Amino acid sequence: MGKPTVQEIAGALGINSNRLSQLQKRGMPVHQIRKAREWFAEHGFNTVHHGKSGGAANSGPNMETKINSIIGKGRGVMPLKD
C-alpha cells in the first residue's frame, strides 16, 4: 500500500483538495490518512463539513431563526393556563 492520494486524504477528512493543500502548508502530514486525521483533530479541525455550503460558518440558519421557525406565529406552542 503506497502513499494515499490527495483526493483520498481530502475525502477521509471531509474537505476539498484546495483546503488540504492549505493545511499541508501549515504542517499537516499527508503520507498517511491516520496521521492526517490525528493532525486535523489536534489542531482543532475536527468538524467534518458536508453538503453544498462547504462548511462556511454562516451558511446555515442562526439560533434565532431556528427558534422562530420552531415556534412560528403561535404554532406549536400551547397557551399557558391561568
C-alpha atoms as a PDB file:
ATOM      1  CA  MET A   1       0.000   0.000   0.000  1.00  0.00           C
ATOM      2  CA  GLY A   2       1.530   3.281  -1.130  1.00  0.00           C
ATOM      3  CA  LYS A   3       1.113   6.888  -0.186  1.00  0.00           C
ATOM      4  CA  PRO A   4      -2.551   7.973  -0.323  1.00  0.00           C
ATOM      5  CA  THR A   5      -3.622  10.438  -2.990  1.00  0.00           C
ATOM      6  CA  VAL A   6      -4.675  13.993  -2.225  1.00  0.00           C
ATOM      7  CA  GLN A   7      -8.260  13.035  -3.078  1.00  0.00           C
ATOM      8  CA  GLU A   8      -8.188  10.071  -0.674  1.00  0.00           C
ATOM      9  CA  ILE A   9      -6.933  12.182   2.230  1.00  0.00           C
ATOM     10  CA  ALA A  10      -9.324  15.045   1.472  1.00  0.00           C
ATOM     11  CA  GLY A  11     -12.224  12.585   1.255  1.00  0.00           C
ATOM     12  CA  ALA A  12     -11.274  10.963   4.566  1.00  0.00           C
ATOM     13  CA  LEU A  13     -11.256  14.389   6.246  1.00  0.00           C
ATOM     14  CA  GLY A  14     -14.386  15.669   4.506  1.00  0.00           C
ATOM     15  CA  ILE A  15     -12.600  18.617   2.894  1.00  0.00           C
ATOM     16  CA  ASN A  16     -11.696  19.548  -0.673  1.00  0.00           C
ATOM     17  CA  SER A  17      -8.228  19.253  -2.184  1.00  0.00           C
ATOM     18  CA  ASN A  18      -7.637  23.028  -2.088  1.00  0.00           C
ATOM     19  CA  ARG A  19      -8.225  23.075   1.679  1.00  0.00           C
ATOM     20  CA  LEU A  20      -5.953  20.049   2.053  1.00  0.00           C
ATOM     21  CA  SER A  21      -3.206  21.966   0.247  1.00  0.00           C
ATOM     22  CA  GLN A  22      -3.614  24.891   2.645  1.00  0.00           C
ATOM     23  CA  LEU A  23      -3.421  22.597   5.670  1.00  0.00           C
ATOM     24  CA  GLN A  24      -0.407  20.774   4.243  1.00  0.00           C
ATOM     25  CA  LYS A  25       1.399  24.129   4.062  1.00  0.00           C
ATOM     26  CA  ARG A  26       0.571  24.574   7.763  1.00  0.00           C
ATOM     27  CA  GLY A  27       2.294  21.287   8.551  1.00  0.00           C
ATOM     28  CA  MET A  28      -0.336  18.569   8.183  1.00  0.00           C
ATOM     29  CA  PRO A  29       1.281  15.260   7.251  1.00  0.00           C
ATOM     30  CA  VAL A  30      -0.064  13.704   4.059  1.00  0.00           C
ATOM     31  CA  HIS A  31       1.862  10.441   3.928  1.00  0.00           C
ATOM     32  CA  GLN A  32      -0.785   8.514   5.934  1.00  0.00           C
ATOM     33  CA  ILE A  33      -4.505   9.125   6.346  1.00  0.00           C
ATOM     34  CA  ARG A  34      -4.270   8.223  10.046  1.00  0.00           C
ATOM     35  CA  LYS A  35      -1.548  10.818  10.649  1.00  0.00           C
ATOM     36  CA  ALA A  36      -3.510  13.436   8.686  1.00  0.00           C
ATOM     37  CA  ARG A  37      -6.633  12.725  10.772  1.00  0.00           C
ATOM     38  CA  GLU A  38      -4.671  12.980  14.023  1.00  0.00           C
ATOM     39  CA  TRP A  39      -3.113  16.312  12.998  1.00  0.00           C
ATOM     40  CA  PHE A  40      -6.502  17.560  11.787  1.00  0.00           C
ATOM     41  CA  ALA A  41      -8.110  16.804  15.174  1.00  0.00           C
ATOM     42  CA  GLU A  42      -5.162  18.069  17.256  1.00  0.00           C
ATOM     43  CA  HIS A  43      -5.285  21.431  15.503  1.00  0.00           C
ATOM     44  CA  GLY A  44      -8.999  21.977  16.048  1.00  0.00           C
ATOM     45  CA  PHE A  45     -10.188  20.891  12.625  1.00  0.00           C
ATOM     46  CA  ASN A  46     -12.234  18.005  13.966  1.00  0.00           C
ATOM     47  CA  THR A  47     -15.526  19.169  12.485  1.00  0.00           C
ATOM     48  CA  VAL A  48     -16.251  17.461   9.222  1.00  0.00           C
ATOM     49  CA  HIS A  49     -18.430  19.533   6.898  1.00  0.00           C
ATOM     50  CA  HIS A  50     -20.710  18.097   4.275  1.00  0.00           C
ATOM     51  CA  GLY A  51     -23.095  19.492   1.735  1.00  0.00           C
ATOM     52  CA  LYS A  52     -23.205  22.436  -0.594  1.00  0.00           C
ATOM     53  CA  SER A  53     -22.150  25.013   1.969  1.00  0.00           C
ATOM     54  CA  GLY A  54     -18.571  23.801   2.001  1.00  0.00           C
ATOM     55  CA  GLY A  55     -18.563  24.261   5.757  1.00  0.00           C
ATOM     56  CA  ALA A  56     -18.988  28.011   5.821  1.00  0.00           C
ATOM     57  CA  ALA A  57     -19.653  29.182   9.352  1.00  0.00           C
ATOM     58  CA  ASN A  58     -22.534  31.416   8.328  1.00  0.00           C
ATOM     59  CA  SER A  59     -24.143  29.095   5.807  1.00  0.00           C
ATOM     60  CA  GLY A  60     -26.980  27.841   7.982  1.00  0.00           C
ATOM     61  CA  PRO A  61     -29.715  29.490   9.970  1.00  0.00           C
ATOM     62  CA  ASN A  62     -28.698  31.102  13.204  1.00  0.00           C
ATOM     63  CA  MET A  63     -30.226  30.036  16.508  1.00  0.00           C
ATOM     64  CA  GLU A  64     -32.794  32.844  16.477  1.00  0.00           C
ATOM     65  CA  THR A  65     -34.004  31.855  13.018  1.00  0.00           C
ATOM     66  CA  LYS A  66     -34.179  28.236  14.048  1.00  0.00           C
ATOM     67  CA  ILE A  67     -36.177  29.005  17.203  1.00  0.00           C
ATOM     68  CA  ASN A  68     -38.544  31.283  15.298  1.00  0.00           C
ATOM     69  CA  SER A  69     -39.180  28.579  12.732  1.00  0.00           C
ATOM     70  CA  ILE A  70     -39.986  26.107  15.521  1.00  0.00           C
ATOM     71  CA  ILE A  71     -42.243  28.475  17.424  1.00  0.00           C
ATOM     72  CA  GLY A  72     -43.736  30.133  14.374  1.00  0.00           C
ATOM     73  CA  LYS A  73     -46.623  32.526  14.800  1.00  0.00           C
ATOM     74  CA  GLY A  74     -48.196  30.749  17.736  1.00  0.00           C
ATOM     75  CA  ARG A  75     -47.980  27.361  16.081  1.00  0.00           C
ATOM     76  CA  GLY A  76     -46.662  24.501  18.157  1.00  0.00           C
ATOM     77  CA  VAL A  77     -46.888  26.448  21.396  1.00  0.00           C
ATOM     78  CA  MET A  78     -49.545  25.602  23.928  1.00  0.00           C
ATOM     79  CA  PRO A  79     -51.009  28.639  25.684  1.00  0.00           C
ATOM     80  CA  LEU A  80     -50.433  28.916  29.399  1.00  0.00           C
ATOM     81  CA  LYS A  81     -53.472  28.222  31.556  1.00  0.00           C
ATOM     82  CA  ASP A  82     -54.324  30.832  34.173  1.00  0.00           C
END
